[in-house]
N, C-alpha and C. Protein backbone atom coordinates (compact mmCIF):
# COMPACT_ATOMS: atom_id res chain seq x y z
N MET A 1 -35.65 39.93 42.95
CA MET A 1 -35.37 40.65 44.17
C MET A 1 -36.48 40.36 45.17
N ASN A 2 -36.08 40.24 46.44
CA ASN A 2 -37.07 39.97 47.48
C ASN A 2 -36.77 40.80 48.72
N GLU A 3 -37.53 40.56 49.79
CA GLU A 3 -37.39 41.37 51.00
C GLU A 3 -36.01 41.25 51.62
N VAL A 4 -35.40 40.08 51.54
CA VAL A 4 -34.05 39.90 52.10
C VAL A 4 -33.05 40.72 51.29
N ASP A 5 -33.17 40.67 49.97
CA ASP A 5 -32.28 41.46 49.11
C ASP A 5 -32.34 42.94 49.47
N ASP A 6 -33.56 43.45 49.57
CA ASP A 6 -33.73 44.87 49.90
C ASP A 6 -33.16 45.19 51.27
N ALA A 7 -33.41 44.33 52.26
CA ALA A 7 -32.91 44.56 53.61
C ALA A 7 -31.38 44.57 53.64
N VAL A 8 -30.77 43.64 52.92
CA VAL A 8 -29.31 43.57 52.87
C VAL A 8 -28.74 44.84 52.24
N LEU A 9 -29.27 45.23 51.10
CA LEU A 9 -28.77 46.43 50.43
C LEU A 9 -28.98 47.67 51.27
N GLU A 10 -30.14 47.80 51.89
CA GLU A 10 -30.41 48.96 52.75
C GLU A 10 -29.47 48.97 53.96
N PHE A 11 -29.17 47.80 54.50
CA PHE A 11 -28.24 47.73 55.63
C PHE A 11 -26.86 48.21 55.21
N PHE A 12 -26.36 47.72 54.07
CA PHE A 12 -25.04 48.17 53.60
C PHE A 12 -25.04 49.67 53.32
N GLU A 13 -26.10 50.17 52.72
CA GLU A 13 -26.17 51.60 52.39
C GLU A 13 -26.13 52.45 53.66
N ALA A 14 -26.66 51.95 54.75
CA ALA A 14 -26.70 52.70 56.01
C ALA A 14 -25.35 52.73 56.73
N GLN A 15 -24.41 51.90 56.29
CA GLN A 15 -23.09 51.84 56.93
C GLN A 15 -22.18 52.91 56.34
N ASP A 16 -21.04 53.08 56.97
CA ASP A 16 -20.05 54.01 56.45
C ASP A 16 -19.61 53.59 55.05
N GLU A 17 -19.25 54.56 54.26
CA GLU A 17 -18.80 54.32 52.88
C GLU A 17 -17.67 53.29 52.86
N GLY A 18 -17.81 52.29 52.01
CA GLY A 18 -16.76 51.31 51.82
C GLY A 18 -16.67 50.20 52.85
N VAL A 19 -17.59 50.15 53.82
CA VAL A 19 -17.52 49.10 54.83
C VAL A 19 -17.72 47.73 54.17
N ALA A 20 -16.97 46.74 54.63
CA ALA A 20 -17.08 45.37 54.12
C ALA A 20 -17.47 44.46 55.28
N LEU A 21 -18.47 43.62 55.04
CA LEU A 21 -18.99 42.75 56.09
C LEU A 21 -19.25 41.35 55.56
N PRO A 22 -19.10 40.33 56.44
CA PRO A 22 -19.43 38.96 56.06
C PRO A 22 -20.92 38.70 56.28
N PRO A 23 -21.46 37.66 55.65
CA PRO A 23 -22.89 37.35 55.79
C PRO A 23 -23.36 37.17 57.23
N THR A 24 -22.54 36.56 58.08
CA THR A 24 -22.96 36.33 59.47
C THR A 24 -23.23 37.64 60.19
N VAL A 25 -22.39 38.63 59.99
CA VAL A 25 -22.58 39.93 60.64
C VAL A 25 -23.83 40.62 60.10
N VAL A 26 -24.03 40.55 58.79
CA VAL A 26 -25.23 41.15 58.18
C VAL A 26 -26.47 40.46 58.74
N TRP A 27 -26.48 39.13 58.76
CA TRP A 27 -27.63 38.38 59.28
C TRP A 27 -27.89 38.74 60.75
N TYR A 28 -26.85 38.75 61.57
CA TYR A 28 -27.02 39.05 62.99
C TYR A 28 -27.69 40.41 63.19
N ASN A 29 -27.24 41.39 62.47
CA ASN A 29 -27.82 42.73 62.59
C ASN A 29 -29.26 42.78 62.11
N LEU A 30 -29.53 42.20 60.95
CA LEU A 30 -30.89 42.25 60.38
C LEU A 30 -31.87 41.36 61.14
N HIS A 31 -31.42 40.22 61.62
CA HIS A 31 -32.29 39.25 62.28
C HIS A 31 -32.41 39.50 63.78
N ASP A 32 -31.28 39.59 64.46
CA ASP A 32 -31.30 39.66 65.92
C ASP A 32 -31.43 41.08 66.47
N LEU A 33 -30.69 42.01 65.93
CA LEU A 33 -30.70 43.37 66.49
C LEU A 33 -31.84 44.22 65.94
N LEU A 34 -31.94 44.32 64.63
CA LEU A 34 -32.95 45.18 64.02
C LEU A 34 -34.30 44.49 63.83
N GLU A 35 -34.27 43.16 63.80
CA GLU A 35 -35.49 42.34 63.65
C GLU A 35 -36.31 42.72 62.41
N VAL A 36 -35.61 42.92 61.28
CA VAL A 36 -36.31 43.27 60.04
C VAL A 36 -36.49 42.08 59.10
N ILE A 37 -35.81 40.97 59.40
CA ILE A 37 -36.01 39.75 58.60
C ILE A 37 -36.21 38.57 59.53
N ASP A 38 -36.85 37.55 58.98
CA ASP A 38 -37.12 36.31 59.72
C ASP A 38 -36.58 35.13 58.93
N LYS A 39 -35.33 35.25 58.48
CA LYS A 39 -34.71 34.23 57.63
C LYS A 39 -33.43 33.74 58.28
N SER A 40 -32.95 32.60 57.82
CA SER A 40 -31.73 32.00 58.38
C SER A 40 -30.47 32.70 57.87
N ARG A 41 -29.38 32.43 58.56
CA ARG A 41 -28.09 32.96 58.14
C ARG A 41 -27.73 32.43 56.75
N ASP A 42 -28.04 31.16 56.50
CA ASP A 42 -27.75 30.58 55.18
C ASP A 42 -28.53 31.28 54.07
N THR A 43 -29.76 31.66 54.35
CA THR A 43 -30.56 32.38 53.35
C THR A 43 -29.92 33.72 53.04
N VAL A 44 -29.49 34.44 54.06
CA VAL A 44 -28.83 35.73 53.85
C VAL A 44 -27.55 35.54 53.04
N ALA A 45 -26.75 34.54 53.37
CA ALA A 45 -25.51 34.29 52.63
C ALA A 45 -25.81 33.97 51.17
N ARG A 46 -26.82 33.15 50.93
CA ARG A 46 -27.20 32.79 49.55
C ARG A 46 -27.67 34.03 48.78
N ARG A 47 -28.49 34.86 49.41
CA ARG A 47 -28.99 36.06 48.74
C ARG A 47 -27.84 37.04 48.47
N MET A 48 -26.87 37.11 49.38
CA MET A 48 -25.72 37.99 49.15
C MET A 48 -24.90 37.51 47.95
N ARG A 49 -24.79 36.20 47.76
CA ARG A 49 -24.10 35.69 46.56
C ARG A 49 -24.88 36.07 45.31
N LYS A 50 -26.21 35.97 45.36
CA LYS A 50 -27.03 36.35 44.20
C LYS A 50 -26.91 37.85 43.91
N LEU A 51 -26.89 38.66 44.96
CA LEU A 51 -26.71 40.10 44.78
C LEU A 51 -25.34 40.40 44.15
N THR A 52 -24.34 39.61 44.50
CA THR A 52 -23.01 39.76 43.91
C THR A 52 -23.06 39.39 42.43
N ASN A 53 -23.74 38.30 42.11
CA ASN A 53 -23.86 37.88 40.71
C ASN A 53 -24.57 38.94 39.86
N ARG A 54 -25.45 39.70 40.47
CA ARG A 54 -26.18 40.77 39.75
C ARG A 54 -25.43 42.10 39.77
N GLY A 55 -24.29 42.14 40.46
CA GLY A 55 -23.48 43.36 40.48
C GLY A 55 -23.91 44.38 41.52
N LEU A 56 -24.79 44.00 42.45
CA LEU A 56 -25.26 44.93 43.47
C LEU A 56 -24.37 44.94 44.71
N LEU A 57 -23.69 43.83 44.94
CA LEU A 57 -22.65 43.73 45.96
C LEU A 57 -21.39 43.25 45.25
N THR A 58 -20.26 43.45 45.89
CA THR A 58 -19.00 42.93 45.39
C THR A 58 -18.27 42.25 46.53
N LYS A 59 -17.45 41.26 46.20
CA LYS A 59 -16.65 40.59 47.21
C LYS A 59 -15.42 41.45 47.48
N ALA A 60 -15.29 41.92 48.71
CA ALA A 60 -14.13 42.71 49.10
C ALA A 60 -12.93 41.81 49.37
N SER A 61 -13.22 40.58 49.80
CA SER A 61 -12.17 39.62 50.10
C SER A 61 -12.67 38.23 49.74
N GLU A 62 -12.08 37.63 48.73
CA GLU A 62 -12.49 36.29 48.29
C GLU A 62 -12.27 35.25 49.39
N GLU A 63 -11.11 35.30 50.03
CA GLU A 63 -10.78 34.26 51.01
C GLU A 63 -11.55 34.40 52.32
N ARG A 64 -12.03 35.58 52.63
CA ARG A 64 -12.75 35.77 53.90
C ARG A 64 -14.24 35.99 53.72
N GLY A 65 -14.71 36.15 52.51
CA GLY A 65 -16.14 36.28 52.27
C GLY A 65 -16.75 37.59 52.72
N TYR A 66 -16.01 38.67 52.61
CA TYR A 66 -16.52 39.99 52.97
C TYR A 66 -17.11 40.66 51.73
N TYR A 67 -18.21 41.36 51.92
CA TYR A 67 -18.93 42.00 50.82
C TYR A 67 -19.06 43.50 51.05
N GLN A 68 -19.21 44.23 49.93
CA GLN A 68 -19.48 45.67 49.95
C GLN A 68 -20.58 45.96 48.93
N ILE A 69 -21.32 47.05 49.16
CA ILE A 69 -22.31 47.48 48.19
C ILE A 69 -21.59 48.19 47.04
N THR A 70 -22.12 48.03 45.84
CA THR A 70 -21.56 48.69 44.65
C THR A 70 -22.40 49.92 44.30
N GLN A 71 -21.91 50.69 43.35
CA GLN A 71 -22.70 51.83 42.87
C GLN A 71 -24.01 51.35 42.26
N LYS A 72 -23.97 50.21 41.59
CA LYS A 72 -25.19 49.64 41.02
C LYS A 72 -26.19 49.31 42.13
N GLY A 73 -25.70 48.82 43.26
CA GLY A 73 -26.57 48.55 44.40
C GLY A 73 -27.20 49.83 44.93
N ARG A 74 -26.42 50.88 44.99
CA ARG A 74 -26.95 52.18 45.43
C ARG A 74 -27.97 52.71 44.42
N ASP A 75 -27.69 52.53 43.14
CA ASP A 75 -28.63 52.97 42.09
C ASP A 75 -29.96 52.23 42.20
N TYR A 76 -29.91 50.95 42.53
CA TYR A 76 -31.15 50.19 42.72
C TYR A 76 -31.95 50.79 43.89
N LEU A 77 -31.28 51.10 44.98
CA LEU A 77 -31.98 51.64 46.16
C LEU A 77 -32.61 53.00 45.89
N THR A 78 -31.98 53.80 45.04
CA THR A 78 -32.52 55.13 44.74
C THR A 78 -33.56 55.09 43.62
N GLY A 79 -33.74 53.91 43.01
CA GLY A 79 -34.74 53.78 41.95
C GLY A 79 -34.22 54.05 40.56
N ASP A 80 -32.90 54.29 40.43
CA ASP A 80 -32.32 54.51 39.11
C ASP A 80 -32.29 53.23 38.28
N ILE A 81 -32.30 52.09 38.97
CA ILE A 81 -32.41 50.77 38.33
C ILE A 81 -33.55 50.07 39.04
N ASP A 82 -34.43 49.42 38.27
CA ASP A 82 -35.53 48.70 38.94
C ASP A 82 -35.33 47.19 38.84
N ALA A 83 -36.12 46.47 39.61
CA ALA A 83 -35.99 45.01 39.69
C ALA A 83 -36.19 44.34 38.34
N GLU A 84 -37.06 44.89 37.51
CA GLU A 84 -37.30 44.32 36.18
C GLU A 84 -36.04 44.40 35.32
N GLU A 85 -35.34 45.52 35.38
CA GLU A 85 -34.08 45.66 34.64
C GLU A 85 -33.06 44.62 35.10
N LEU A 86 -33.00 44.39 36.40
CA LEU A 86 -32.07 43.40 36.94
C LEU A 86 -32.45 42.00 36.49
N ARG A 87 -33.74 41.71 36.45
CA ARG A 87 -34.21 40.40 36.02
C ARG A 87 -33.82 40.15 34.57
N ILE A 88 -34.03 41.16 33.73
CA ILE A 88 -33.69 41.04 32.31
C ILE A 88 -32.18 40.84 32.13
N GLU A 89 -31.38 41.61 32.87
CA GLU A 89 -29.93 41.47 32.80
C GLU A 89 -29.49 40.06 33.18
N SER A 90 -30.09 39.50 34.22
CA SER A 90 -29.68 38.18 34.69
C SER A 90 -30.07 37.08 33.72
N GLU A 91 -31.06 37.34 32.87
CA GLU A 91 -31.47 36.35 31.87
C GLU A 91 -30.54 36.34 30.67
N ASN A 92 -29.83 37.44 30.45
CA ASN A 92 -28.93 37.55 29.28
C ASN A 92 -27.55 37.03 29.56
């Protein structure tokens, strides 16, 4: 987990329940509007795929590339799951 991962998850958590967004919209908000990250759109898209592989985000639409935060993603933000647990899970 890194600063982009945390920013993405926090951004989704701050949205209305169940909102689905594509990487470009997430990047635009975090990079241009909120200025909380200094990474490319491709980096955000790649990190969102990794977050999906770890179960913290889910694909709301396969063909359009929209993502939503999962309960596991919310649990990570509240500290119920820590980064070490996620690392161990991804190794198995």
